[in-house]
Amino acid sequence: MGEKDRNLKLGELLLNHGIIDRSQLSEALEEQKKSKKKLGEVLIEKGFVAERQIIEVLARQYLLPVVNPLKIEIEENVLRIFSYELLKKYNIVPVKIQDDNLFIITNDPLNISAFRELGYISGCRIKPMMAVSKDIGILLNKYYGPMHSAQEAIKDIATDIDTSSAQQKEESVEAEAAAAEEAPVIKLVNSIVAEAMEQGVSDIHFEPQKENLRVRFRIDGILYEKVIIPKKLQPGVTSRIKIISGMDIAERRKPQDGRISLRKRDREFDVRVSTLPDIFGEKVVLRLLDKKNAIISLEKLGVDENELDMIEFLIHQPYGMILITGPTGSGKTTTLYSMLNILNDSSRSIVTVEDPVEYEMDGVNQTAINVRAGYTFATAIRHILRQDPDVIMIGEIRDLETAEIAIQAALTGHLVLSTLHTNSAPGAITRLLDMNVEPFLIASSVKGVIAQRLVRKLCPFCRKESVVSEEIKNKIAPLIPSSANELILAKPSGCEKCHGLGYKGRVGIFEILMVEEGIQELVLKRANEPEITELAVSRGMNTLKASGIKKALDKVTSMEEVMRVTFVERVYK
């Protein structure tokens, strides 16, 4: 049966069951011609139908059972027959072999080529069962993914420890070093890190608890628990990480820092490792920096056309200071690197001083501070000014001395980029005033302030449309178009592509304050943050809240996510 016949059959089936109407089918078929996707995928993306409805209709048509993969146990002998890569390619999970029949779970009962390949490898007749792709992906990852390898390694290590007759003291450094070099421990740590790289994790937390060692992943700014490691395996795991990151495994009383360089296919990762003494052991955090995605364009960061015009106007000033503000983890450094990437050409001398250097940039001179050696931000800037720079990037302004030297650099013909920890763009002005920087210095040196946050992007494959209530619409009315009669937004669902989270990746929301006449006058008067904000908004500044709501209206993120990040009450009940 050809692909065209199959698509028409699915469309007619959904029509006959009253799930879609003729106009929706026509629209989906037109879109399918352009995208070359399967009809079912197009219908789901457009929100005309849920995947579960398609599964139920197809199962009824082909007399196949619908199962819940999350309640199914896979037989041990089946696990060894197929590779993880093959099953992931077809989104199929084999369950058991019975009377020369291989029972599998799939979301596509017409994937004949996949069934032939699995039948050829196993020598069995294929017996399909139906389930939604999200649940198939979860089961596949449980039994075949890196975390399955981690669980198997835990079993192997636990067995080795339980059956060992060697007399080893728990606190023995030699025993810990030996355990760290055991193959199962190596497999366990490697599996956890491999899974983190696969899922786009920014940080891995190994957290000692009273009864176990908890491992959590930070994905798009949110921590998720991934695996629980038995307490007796904690010393070996911690020592393994410390060894490969160049730390002293005998030192447990003081924090340590280390680094690891990893490669996964065509991607390189720079891993920063940090340990911290804890009452139940040593807490270890691995920060994964993907070198390939280190420098991205401002457009990909989420900057819209109007915001891009303002930022490009600022960074092409011959001198002055541009500040990026926001809390830790709001993407300030990424924005700075994106700006430097625009400015980076052979006509400019660009020097950065950072703590530490996050990413290496070709053509940019980068230096890291060393507080113990007396090499601070202020000291570094003084020496940089003797190096004939055009652009100076300062990782963070933390004190009055650094602020004053940076401002003097901005006033003497240099473009200075830096960051501050404030909640809003106008808040950067008041923070400098609180540092006792003279108002006339701020007014004459600061050209613009960009406040930003990161919101999670909705997964484009499973997001669902949602109508916001009149109550919520009234609360955000000043920030939405007056022409919007019915407010249609989107909310998360969860599928295999986003690992069931409903979100995939993050995007920035921005608040850009142009320090021009009027704002400068307020600065000279030592005006407070609300006064500066009121004037800036009256002149067209979009607040973080307004920027976030625009992203929600464009269905890039959910209103709930905007509310979470900008501290407004939740939208969805």
Protein backbone atom coordinates (compact mmCIF):
# COMPACT_ATOMS: atom_id res chain seq x y z
CA MET A 1 0.00 0.00 0.00
CA GLY A 2 1.40 3.41 -1.01
CA GLU A 3 1.89 6.33 1.33
CA LYS A 4 -0.85 8.33 -0.43
CA ASP A 5 -3.45 5.57 -0.01
CA ARG A 6 -2.54 5.21 3.65
CA ASN A 7 -2.93 8.90 4.31
CA LEU A 8 -6.30 9.08 2.60
CA LYS A 9 -7.47 6.05 4.53
CA LEU A 10 -6.50 7.65 7.86
CA GLY A 11 -8.24 10.88 6.87
CA GLU A 12 -11.43 9.06 5.89
CA LEU A 13 -11.34 7.05 9.11
CA LEU A 14 -11.14 10.21 11.21
CA LEU A 15 -13.92 11.78 9.16
CA ASN A 16 -16.16 8.75 9.63
CA HIS A 17 -15.66 8.88 13.40
CA GLY A 18 -16.47 12.60 13.49
CA ILE A 19 -13.05 13.50 14.89
CA ILE A 20 -12.22 15.97 12.11
CA ASP A 21 -14.30 17.69 9.43
CA ARG A 22 -13.74 17.94 5.69
CA SER A 23 -12.20 21.43 5.83
CA GLN A 24 -9.66 20.35 8.45
CA LEU A 25 -8.71 17.33 6.35
CA SER A 26 -8.26 19.49 3.25
CA GLU A 27 -6.11 21.98 5.16
CA ALA A 28 -3.97 19.17 6.60
CA LEU A 29 -3.51 17.53 3.18
CA GLU A 30 -2.37 20.85 1.71
CA GLU A 31 0.12 21.31 4.53
CA GLN A 32 1.30 17.71 4.07
CA LYS A 33 2.18 18.38 0.42
CA LYS A 34 4.51 21.18 1.55
CA SER A 35 6.04 19.56 4.64
CA LYS A 36 6.18 15.94 3.34
CA LYS A 37 5.19 14.78 6.82
CA LYS A 38 2.70 12.03 7.57
CA LEU A 39 -0.91 13.14 7.68
CA GLY A 40 -1.28 12.12 11.31
CA GLU A 41 1.68 14.32 12.32
CA VAL A 42 0.20 17.32 10.49
CA LEU A 43 -3.23 16.84 12.08
CA ILE A 44 -1.66 16.65 15.55
CA GLU A 45 0.56 19.71 15.00
CA LYS A 46 -2.44 21.75 13.86
CA GLY A 47 -4.38 20.73 16.96
CA PHE A 48 -7.19 19.09 14.95
CA VAL A 49 -6.75 15.75 16.68
CA ALA A 50 -4.88 14.18 19.61
CA GLU A 51 -2.49 11.29 18.93
CA ARG A 52 -4.47 9.05 21.26
CA GLN A 53 -7.56 9.52 19.05
CA ILE A 54 -5.58 8.43 15.99
CA ILE A 55 -4.22 5.40 17.87
CA GLU A 56 -7.69 4.33 18.97
CA VAL A 57 -9.15 4.68 15.44
CA LEU A 58 -6.30 2.74 13.81
CA ALA A 59 -6.41 0.03 16.48
CA ARG A 60 -10.14 -0.42 15.87
CA GLN A 61 -9.63 -0.50 12.09
CA TYR A 62 -6.88 -3.15 12.20
CA LEU A 63 -8.20 -5.07 15.22
CA LEU A 64 -5.13 -4.37 17.34
CA PRO A 65 -4.98 -4.00 21.13
CA VAL A 66 -4.17 -0.61 22.72
CA VAL A 67 -1.78 -0.97 25.66
CA ASN A 68 -0.16 1.23 28.30
CA PRO A 69 3.63 0.82 27.84
CA LEU A 70 4.30 2.26 31.30
CA LYS A 71 2.72 -0.86 32.86
CA ILE A 72 4.58 -3.39 30.69
CA GLU A 73 7.70 -5.35 31.61
CA ILE A 74 9.99 -6.39 28.74
CA GLU A 75 11.34 -9.94 28.78
CA GLU A 76 15.10 -10.20 29.33
CA ASN A 77 15.76 -12.33 26.23
CA VAL A 78 14.16 -9.71 23.96
CA LEU A 79 16.46 -6.94 25.20
CA ARG A 80 19.53 -8.54 23.60
CA ILE A 81 18.10 -8.97 20.08
CA PHE A 82 17.81 -5.37 18.82
CA SER A 83 19.98 -2.28 19.06
CA TYR A 84 18.74 0.88 20.76
CA GLU A 85 19.46 2.89 17.59
CA LEU A 86 17.23 0.64 15.43
CA LEU A 87 14.29 0.74 17.84
CA LYS A 88 14.59 4.50 18.32
CA LYS A 89 14.62 4.97 14.54
CA TYR A 90 11.27 3.18 14.19
CA ASN A 91 9.87 4.20 17.62
CA ILE A 92 9.08 0.57 18.39
CA VAL A 93 9.53 -1.45 21.58
CA PRO A 94 9.67 -5.27 21.43
CA VAL A 95 7.98 -6.85 24.46
CA LYS A 96 8.12 -10.64 24.29
CA ILE A 97 8.48 -13.70 22.04
CA GLN A 98 5.76 -16.34 22.27
CA ASP A 99 5.26 -19.27 19.85
CA ASP A 100 7.56 -17.65 17.25
CA ASN A 101 5.57 -14.41 17.49
CA LEU A 102 7.34 -11.17 18.42
CA PHE A 103 4.95 -8.82 20.22
CA ILE A 104 5.86 -5.17 19.72
CA ILE A 105 4.41 -1.78 20.68
CA THR A 106 4.13 0.81 17.92
CA ASN A 107 2.14 3.94 17.04
CA ASP A 108 2.15 3.12 13.30
CA PRO A 109 0.48 -0.20 12.35
CA LEU A 110 1.37 0.33 8.68
CA ASN A 111 5.13 0.65 9.09
CA ILE A 112 5.72 -2.44 6.95
CA SER A 113 9.43 -1.84 6.33
CA ALA A 114 10.09 -1.67 10.09
CA PHE A 115 8.12 -4.88 10.71
CA ARG A 116 10.06 -6.70 7.98
CA GLU A 117 13.42 -5.66 9.43
CA LEU A 118 12.47 -6.67 12.97
CA GLY A 119 11.03 -9.95 11.67
CA TYR A 120 14.20 -10.70 9.70
CA ILE A 121 16.47 -10.03 12.70
CA SER A 122 14.37 -12.03 15.17
CA GLY A 123 13.10 -14.75 12.83
CA CYS A 124 9.59 -14.21 14.23
CA ARG A 125 6.19 -13.09 12.97
CA ILE A 126 5.40 -9.54 14.12
CA LYS A 127 2.36 -8.96 16.33
CA PRO A 128 1.79 -5.20 16.78
CA MET A 129 0.16 -3.53 19.78
CA MET A 130 -0.71 0.18 19.79
CA ALA A 131 0.30 3.05 22.07
CA VAL A 132 1.03 6.79 21.84
CA SER A 133 4.57 7.80 20.88
CA LYS A 134 5.26 9.61 24.18
CA ASP A 135 4.77 6.43 26.24
CA ILE A 136 6.72 4.35 23.72
CA GLY A 137 9.63 6.77 24.01
CA ILE A 138 9.59 6.59 27.82
CA LEU A 139 9.59 2.76 27.79
CA LEU A 140 12.31 2.67 25.13
CA ASN A 141 14.54 4.98 27.15
CA LYS A 142 13.87 2.99 30.33
CA TYR A 143 15.05 -0.31 28.85
CA TYR A 144 17.48 0.71 26.13
CA GLY A 145 18.69 4.27 26.78
CA PRO A 146 21.72 5.45 28.76
CA MET A 147 19.76 5.46 32.02
CA HIS A 148 19.05 1.74 31.53
CA SER A 149 22.82 1.24 31.33
CA ALA A 150 23.14 3.24 34.54
CA GLN A 151 20.60 1.05 36.33
CA GLU A 152 22.34 -2.11 35.09
CA ALA A 153 25.67 -0.75 36.32
CA ILE A 154 24.13 -0.06 39.74
CA LYS A 155 23.01 -3.71 39.92
CA ASP A 156 26.46 -4.93 38.89
CA ILE A 157 28.27 -2.78 41.45
CA ALA A 158 25.83 -3.66 44.23
CA THR A 159 26.33 -7.37 43.50
CA ASP A 160 30.12 -6.98 43.48
CA ILE A 161 30.05 -5.16 46.82
CA ASP A 162 27.63 -7.60 48.45
CA THR A 163 29.65 -10.68 47.40
CA SER A 164 33.10 -9.20 48.03
CA SER A 165 35.09 -10.74 50.86
CA ALA A 166 37.76 -8.06 50.86
CA GLN A 167 38.12 -6.18 54.09
CA GLN A 168 37.82 -2.55 53.03
CA LYS A 169 37.19 0.42 55.28
CA GLU A 170 34.48 2.80 54.07
CA GLU A 171 36.72 5.85 54.53
CA SER A 172 39.80 4.30 52.86
CA VAL A 173 41.10 6.53 50.07
CA GLU A 174 42.77 3.53 48.43
CA ALA A 175 39.50 1.60 48.45
CA GLU A 176 37.63 4.53 46.96
CA ALA A 177 40.24 4.98 44.23
CA ALA A 178 40.07 1.27 43.42
CA ALA A 179 36.26 1.34 43.32
CA ALA A 180 36.34 4.39 41.05
CA GLU A 181 38.39 2.44 38.49
CA GLU A 182 36.02 -0.54 38.44
CA ALA A 183 34.26 -1.04 35.08
CA PRO A 184 30.70 -0.91 36.54
CA VAL A 185 31.40 2.45 38.25
CA ILE A 186 32.85 3.85 35.03
CA LYS A 187 29.80 2.57 33.15
CA LEU A 188 27.45 4.15 35.70
CA VAL A 189 29.05 7.62 35.55
CA ASN A 190 29.41 7.47 31.75
CA SER A 191 25.76 6.47 31.32
CA ILE A 192 24.51 9.36 33.45
CA VAL A 193 26.66 11.89 31.60
CA ALA A 194 25.67 10.41 28.20
CA GLU A 195 21.99 10.74 29.06
CA ALA A 196 22.57 14.35 30.14
CA MET A 197 24.27 15.22 26.85
CA GLU A 198 21.46 13.52 24.92
CA GLN A 199 18.76 15.54 26.69
CA GLY A 200 20.52 18.92 26.51
CA VAL A 201 21.08 19.11 30.27
CA SER A 202 22.91 22.18 31.58
CA ASP A 203 23.83 20.80 35.04
CA ILE A 204 24.05 17.36 36.68
CA HIS A 205 23.64 17.32 40.47
CA PHE A 206 25.00 14.39 42.50
CA GLU A 207 23.42 15.06 45.89
CA PRO A 208 24.26 12.91 48.95
CA GLN A 209 21.19 12.12 51.06
CA LYS A 210 21.02 10.23 54.33
CA GLU A 211 19.97 6.95 52.66
CA ASN A 212 21.19 7.33 49.06
CA LEU A 213 22.86 9.48 46.39
CA ARG A 214 20.30 11.42 44.35
CA VAL A 215 21.05 12.45 40.76
CA ARG A 216 19.12 15.36 39.26
CA PHE A 217 19.28 17.00 35.82
CA ARG A 218 18.67 20.69 35.17
CA ILE A 219 16.81 20.94 31.86
CA ASP A 220 15.84 24.38 30.57
CA GLY A 221 16.30 25.85 34.05
CA ILE A 222 14.22 23.24 35.96
CA LEU A 223 15.63 20.37 38.06
CA TYR A 224 14.29 16.83 37.47
CA GLU A 225 15.17 13.74 39.48
CA LYS A 226 16.70 11.06 37.20
CA VAL A 227 18.16 8.23 39.26
CA ILE A 228 18.71 7.14 42.87
CA ILE A 229 22.06 5.48 43.58
CA PRO A 230 22.47 3.27 46.68
CA LYS A 231 24.41 4.94 49.50
CA LYS A 232 27.21 2.36 49.48
CA LEU A 233 28.06 3.30 45.88
CA GLN A 234 28.46 7.00 46.71
CA PRO A 235 32.22 6.97 47.50
CA GLY A 236 33.09 5.18 44.25
CA VAL A 237 30.93 7.47 42.11
CA THR A 238 32.22 10.65 43.75
CA SER A 239 35.83 9.50 43.48
CA ARG A 240 35.39 8.57 39.82
CA ILE A 241 34.18 12.08 38.98
CA LYS A 242 36.99 13.67 41.01
CA ILE A 243 39.64 11.54 39.30
CA ILE A 244 38.56 12.32 35.71
CA SER A 245 38.21 16.04 36.53
CA GLY A 246 41.69 16.30 38.04
CA MET A 247 40.75 16.71 41.71
CA ASP A 248 42.33 15.35 44.88
CA ILE A 249 40.18 12.42 46.04
CA ALA A 250 41.80 12.50 49.49
CA GLU A 251 40.51 16.05 50.13
CA ARG A 252 36.91 15.92 51.37
CA ARG A 253 36.81 18.87 53.77
CA LYS A 254 37.21 21.71 51.24
CA PRO A 255 35.40 22.59 48.00
CA GLN A 256 37.27 21.76 44.80
CA ASP A 257 36.95 22.70 41.14
CA GLY A 258 37.87 20.66 38.08
CA ARG A 259 37.27 20.32 34.35
CA ILE A 260 36.57 17.53 31.87
CA SER A 261 36.56 17.68 28.06
CA LEU A 262 34.08 15.31 26.40
CA ARG A 263 33.10 14.54 22.81
CA LYS A 264 29.79 13.06 21.64
CA ARG A 265 29.82 12.40 17.90
CA ASP A 266 30.36 15.85 16.31
CA ARG A 267 29.75 17.79 19.54
CA GLU A 268 32.35 18.88 22.10
CA PHE A 269 31.48 19.56 25.73
CA ASP A 270 33.50 21.48 28.28
CA VAL A 271 32.40 20.17 31.70
CA ARG A 272 33.03 22.30 34.81
CA VAL A 273 33.02 20.20 37.98
CA SER A 274 32.51 21.54 41.50
CA THR A 275 32.45 19.72 44.84
CA LEU A 276 31.04 20.96 48.14
CA PRO A 277 31.36 19.27 51.57
CA ASP A 278 27.95 18.15 52.80
CA ILE A 279 26.82 16.53 56.05
CA PHE A 280 26.12 13.28 54.12
CA GLY A 281 29.21 13.34 51.88
CA GLU A 282 30.35 15.51 49.00
CA LYS A 283 27.86 17.23 46.72
CA VAL A 284 29.11 17.25 43.12
CA VAL A 285 27.76 19.42 40.30
CA LEU A 286 28.76 19.06 36.65
CA ARG A 287 28.02 22.02 34.35
CA LEU A 288 27.90 20.98 30.70
CA LEU A 289 28.87 23.63 28.16
CA ASP A 290 28.20 22.66 24.54
CA LYS A 291 30.97 24.35 22.54
CA LYS A 292 29.02 23.99 19.29
CA ASN A 293 26.12 26.02 20.68
CA ALA A 294 28.29 28.54 22.52
CA ILE A 295 27.70 31.45 20.16
CA ILE A 296 24.22 31.90 18.76
CA SER A 297 22.61 34.79 16.96
CA LEU A 298 20.49 37.38 18.74
CA GLU A 299 17.50 36.28 16.63
CA LYS A 300 17.81 32.72 17.96
CA LEU A 301 18.00 34.12 21.48
CA GLY A 302 14.47 35.42 20.96
CA VAL A 303 15.20 39.05 20.10
CA ASP A 304 12.45 40.41 17.83
CA GLU A 305 13.00 42.85 14.96
CA ASN A 306 12.39 46.02 17.00
CA GLU A 307 14.60 44.83 19.88
CA LEU A 308 17.33 43.85 17.41
CA ASP A 309 17.35 47.36 15.92
CA MET A 310 17.80 48.87 19.41
CA ILE A 311 20.59 46.45 20.38
CA GLU A 312 22.48 46.98 17.12
CA PHE A 313 22.16 50.75 17.60
CA LEU A 314 23.66 50.41 21.09
CA ILE A 315 26.57 48.12 20.24
CA HIS A 316 27.63 50.25 17.29
CA GLN A 317 28.09 53.31 19.48
CA PRO A 318 31.75 54.47 19.36
CA TYR A 319 31.94 54.51 23.16
CA GLY A 320 29.82 54.16 26.27
CA MET A 321 28.54 51.38 28.51
CA ILE A 322 25.88 48.75 27.82
CA LEU A 323 24.64 46.70 30.76
CA ILE A 324 22.88 43.32 30.73
CA THR A 325 20.89 42.57 33.88
CA GLY A 326 19.05 39.63 35.35
CA PRO A 327 19.48 36.87 37.95
CA THR A 328 21.95 34.01 37.68
CA GLY A 329 20.98 31.66 34.85
CA SER A 330 19.03 34.24 32.85
CA GLY A 331 21.36 34.04 29.84
CA LYS A 332 23.30 37.28 30.34
CA THR A 333 26.65 35.79 29.30
CA THR A 334 25.16 34.23 26.17
CA THR A 335 23.75 37.61 25.14
CA LEU A 336 27.13 39.25 25.73
CA TYR A 337 28.88 36.67 23.55
CA SER A 338 26.26 37.16 20.82
CA MET A 339 26.94 40.91 20.86
CA LEU A 340 30.71 40.36 20.76
CA ASN A 341 30.22 38.00 17.83
CA ILE A 342 28.61 40.85 15.85
CA LEU A 343 31.43 43.24 16.77
CA ASN A 344 34.21 40.71 16.21
CA ASP A 345 36.11 41.69 13.07
CA SER A 346 39.67 42.54 12.11
CA SER A 347 39.13 46.29 12.62
CA ARG A 348 38.48 46.02 16.38
CA SER A 349 40.54 45.00 19.38
CA ILE A 350 38.21 43.16 21.77
CA VAL A 351 39.32 42.13 25.27
CA THR A 352 37.23 40.32 27.88
CA VAL A 353 37.78 39.78 31.60
CA GLU A 354 35.65 36.96 33.01
CA ASP A 355 35.18 34.72 36.05
CA PRO A 356 35.79 32.18 34.56
CA VAL A 357 36.07 32.27 30.75
CA GLU A 358 32.90 30.47 29.67
CA TYR A 359 33.58 29.97 25.95
CA GLU A 360 36.61 30.51 23.75
CA MET A 361 36.07 32.99 20.91
CA ASP A 362 38.39 33.21 17.91
CA GLY A 363 39.69 36.73 17.41
CA VAL A 364 38.85 37.85 20.95
CA ASN A 365 41.44 38.28 23.72
CA GLN A 366 40.08 36.66 26.88
CA THR A 367 41.45 36.75 30.43
CA ALA A 368 40.14 35.21 33.67
CA ILE A 369 40.39 36.85 37.08
CA ASN A 370 42.29 35.20 39.93
CA VAL A 371 41.24 36.72 43.26
CA ARG A 372 43.77 34.69 45.27
CA ALA A 373 46.58 36.17 43.17
CA GLY A 374 45.13 39.67 43.51
CA TYR A 375 43.98 39.73 39.90
CA THR A 376 40.46 41.18 40.27
CA PHE A 377 38.08 42.75 37.75
CA ALA A 378 39.33 46.23 38.68
CA THR A 379 43.00 45.22 38.35
CA ALA A 380 42.36 43.49 35.02
CA ILE A 381 40.55 46.52 33.55
CA ARG A 382 43.44 48.84 34.50
CA HIS A 383 45.88 46.62 32.59
CA ILE A 384 43.47 46.09 29.67
CA LEU A 385 43.27 49.86 29.15
CA ARG A 386 47.02 49.83 28.43
CA GLN A 387 46.44 47.22 25.69
CA ASP A 388 44.77 49.65 23.24
CA PRO A 389 41.31 47.99 23.24
CA ASP A 390 38.25 49.16 21.29
CA VAL A 391 35.73 46.95 23.10
CA ILE A 392 35.97 45.68 26.68
CA MET A 393 33.66 43.02 28.07
CA ILE A 394 33.56 42.75 31.88
CA GLY A 395 31.96 39.59 33.24
CA GLU A 396 30.24 41.38 36.13
CA ILE A 397 30.31 44.68 37.98
CA ARG A 398 30.36 43.70 41.65
CA ASP A 399 31.69 46.72 43.52
CA LEU A 400 32.26 50.48 43.37
CA GLU A 401 35.90 50.18 42.30
CA THR A 402 35.05 48.03 39.27
CA ALA A 403 32.07 50.25 38.39
CA GLU A 404 34.12 53.46 38.48
CA ILE A 405 36.98 52.06 36.37
CA ALA A 406 34.50 50.62 33.85
CA ILE A 407 32.71 53.97 33.61
CA GLN A 408 36.00 55.83 33.14
CA ALA A 409 36.83 53.40 30.32
CA ALA A 410 33.44 54.12 28.72
CA LEU A 411 33.99 57.87 29.00
CA THR A 412 37.46 57.74 27.44
CA GLY A 413 36.47 56.27 24.09
CA HIS A 414 35.88 52.57 24.76
CA LEU A 415 32.72 50.51 24.30
CA VAL A 416 32.18 48.62 27.55
CA LEU A 417 29.81 45.64 27.91
CA SER A 418 29.04 44.22 31.34
CA THR A 419 26.41 42.66 33.60
CA LEU A 420 24.64 43.50 36.85
CA HIS A 421 22.34 41.43 39.04
CA THR A 422 19.09 43.42 39.05
CA ASN A 423 15.48 42.47 38.38
CA SER A 424 14.78 45.11 35.73
CA ALA A 425 16.53 47.46 33.33
CA PRO A 426 15.75 50.63 35.35
CA GLY A 427 16.94 48.74 38.43
CA ALA A 428 20.50 48.82 37.02
CA ILE A 429 20.52 52.62 37.33
CA THR A 430 19.43 52.56 40.95
CA ARG A 431 21.93 49.76 41.70
CA LEU A 432 24.80 51.92 40.45
CA LEU A 433 23.48 54.80 42.54
CA ASP A 434 23.36 52.50 45.57
CA MET A 435 27.02 51.65 44.89
CA ASN A 436 27.71 55.40 45.34
CA VAL A 437 28.56 55.99 41.68
CA GLU A 438 28.04 59.68 40.93
CA PRO A 439 24.81 60.35 38.97
CA PHE A 440 26.57 62.51 36.36
CA LEU A 441 28.95 59.60 35.59
CA ILE A 442 26.04 57.21 35.07
CA ALA A 443 24.08 59.65 32.91
CA SER A 444 27.02 60.35 30.63
CA SER A 445 28.42 56.82 30.31
CA VAL A 446 25.50 54.34 30.28
CA LYS A 447 23.91 54.19 26.81
CA GLY A 448 21.46 51.38 27.41
CA VAL A 449 20.40 48.60 29.77
CA ILE A 450 18.98 45.24 28.71
CA ALA A 451 17.14 43.17 31.32
CA GLN A 452 16.36 39.59 30.37
CA ARG A 453 14.92 36.28 31.49
CA LEU A 454 14.74 32.85 29.90
CA VAL A 455 11.40 31.12 29.38
CA ARG A 456 10.98 27.54 28.23
CA LYS A 457 9.79 27.09 24.65
CA LEU A 458 6.76 24.89 24.07
CA CYS A 459 7.55 21.69 22.19
CA PRO A 460 6.23 22.35 18.64
CA PHE A 461 5.30 18.69 18.23
CA CYS A 462 2.88 18.36 21.14
CA ARG A 463 1.76 21.82 22.29
CA LYS A 464 -1.99 22.25 22.68
CA GLU A 465 -4.14 25.31 22.17
CA SER A 466 -5.96 26.73 25.17
CA VAL A 467 -8.48 29.51 25.63
CA VAL A 468 -7.66 31.84 28.52
CA SER A 469 -10.53 32.82 30.79
CA GLU A 470 -12.04 36.32 30.78
CA GLU A 471 -10.77 36.85 34.32
CA ILE A 472 -7.14 36.31 33.31
CA LYS A 473 -7.62 38.20 30.06
CA ASN A 474 -8.83 41.24 32.01
CA LYS A 475 -5.76 41.12 34.26
CA ILE A 476 -3.34 41.21 31.35
CA ALA A 477 -5.56 43.39 29.13
CA PRO A 478 -3.18 46.41 29.03
CA LEU A 479 -0.49 44.18 27.55
CA ILE A 480 -2.47 42.42 24.80
CA PRO A 481 -3.91 43.70 21.50
CA SER A 482 -7.36 45.26 21.93
CA SER A 483 -8.55 43.37 18.82
CA ALA A 484 -8.16 39.96 20.49
CA ASN A 485 -11.74 38.90 21.28
CA GLU A 486 -10.90 35.32 22.25
CA LEU A 487 -7.42 34.81 23.66
CA ILE A 488 -6.03 31.60 22.14
CA LEU A 489 -2.73 30.57 23.68
CA ALA A 490 -0.88 27.27 23.93
CA LYS A 491 0.11 25.01 26.81
CA PRO A 492 2.45 22.02 27.23
CA SER A 493 1.49 18.42 26.62
CA GLY A 494 4.51 16.09 26.39
CA CYS A 495 5.87 13.70 23.74
CA GLU A 496 8.93 11.61 22.93
CA LYS A 497 10.74 14.50 21.24
CA CYS A 498 10.62 16.62 24.42
CA HIS A 499 11.09 13.59 26.75
CA GLY A 500 7.56 14.07 28.07
CA LEU A 501 8.25 17.55 29.46
CA GLY A 502 6.11 19.59 27.07
CA TYR A 503 8.95 22.11 26.65
CA LYS A 504 12.11 21.96 24.56
CA GLY A 505 14.76 24.68 24.69
CA ARG A 506 14.53 28.22 26.01
CA VAL A 507 14.10 31.67 24.55
CA GLY A 508 14.77 35.13 25.97
CA ILE A 509 12.34 37.86 26.91
CA PHE A 510 13.83 41.34 27.01
CA GLU A 511 13.33 44.81 28.51
CA ILE A 512 15.50 47.43 26.81
CA LEU A 513 16.03 50.84 28.43
CA MET A 514 17.57 53.46 26.16
CA VAL A 515 19.31 56.01 28.40
CA GLU A 516 18.51 59.17 26.45
CA GLU A 517 17.50 62.72 27.33
CA GLY A 518 14.74 62.60 29.91
CA ILE A 519 16.01 59.38 31.43
CA GLN A 520 19.37 61.10 31.92
CA GLU A 521 17.64 63.95 33.72
CA LEU A 522 15.95 61.50 36.08
CA VAL A 523 19.31 59.86 36.77
CA LEU A 524 20.84 63.24 37.67
CA LYS A 525 17.94 63.78 40.09
CA ARG A 526 18.56 60.34 41.66
CA ALA A 527 15.05 59.23 40.68
CA ASN A 528 13.87 55.87 41.98
CA GLU A 529 13.16 52.79 39.85
CA PRO A 530 9.35 53.28 39.46
CA GLU A 531 9.87 56.85 38.21
CA ILE A 532 12.40 55.75 35.60
CA THR A 533 10.17 52.82 34.58
CA GLU A 534 7.11 55.06 34.16
CA LEU A 535 8.92 57.45 31.83
CA ALA A 536 10.58 54.64 29.85
CA VAL A 537 7.26 52.81 29.32
CA SER A 538 5.60 56.04 28.22
CA ARG A 539 8.34 56.30 25.59
CA GLY A 540 7.71 52.79 24.28
CA MET A 541 9.81 50.48 26.45
CA ASN A 542 8.37 46.96 26.67
CA THR A 543 8.63 45.52 30.17
CA LEU A 544 9.72 41.92 30.74
CA LYS A 545 6.10 41.07 31.44
CA ALA A 546 4.93 42.57 28.13
CA SER A 547 7.72 40.84 26.22
CA GLY A 548 6.81 37.51 27.79
CA ILE A 549 3.11 37.91 27.03
CA LYS A 550 3.98 38.62 23.39
CA LYS A 551 5.89 35.32 23.27
CA ALA A 552 2.85 33.58 24.78
CA LEU A 553 0.50 35.19 22.23
CA ASP A 554 2.82 33.90 19.49
CA LYS A 555 2.53 30.42 21.09
CA VAL A 556 6.31 30.27 21.54
CA THR A 557 5.83 29.66 25.26
CA SER A 558 2.92 29.24 27.64
CA MET A 559 1.38 32.00 29.71
CA GLU A 560 2.03 29.84 32.76
CA GLU A 561 5.76 29.90 31.99
CA VAL A 562 5.71 33.68 31.57
CA MET A 563 3.98 34.04 34.91
CA ARG A 564 6.51 31.73 36.58
CA VAL A 565 9.46 33.76 35.35
CA THR A 566 8.02 37.26 35.80
CA PHE A 567 6.40 36.59 39.20
CA VAL A 568 2.80 37.08 38.15
CA GLU A 569 -0.04 34.83 39.26
CA ARG A 570 -0.60 31.63 37.30
CA VAL A 571 -2.96 31.42 34.35
CA TYR A 572 -3.94 27.76 34.20
CA LYS A 573 -5.95 26.28 37.01
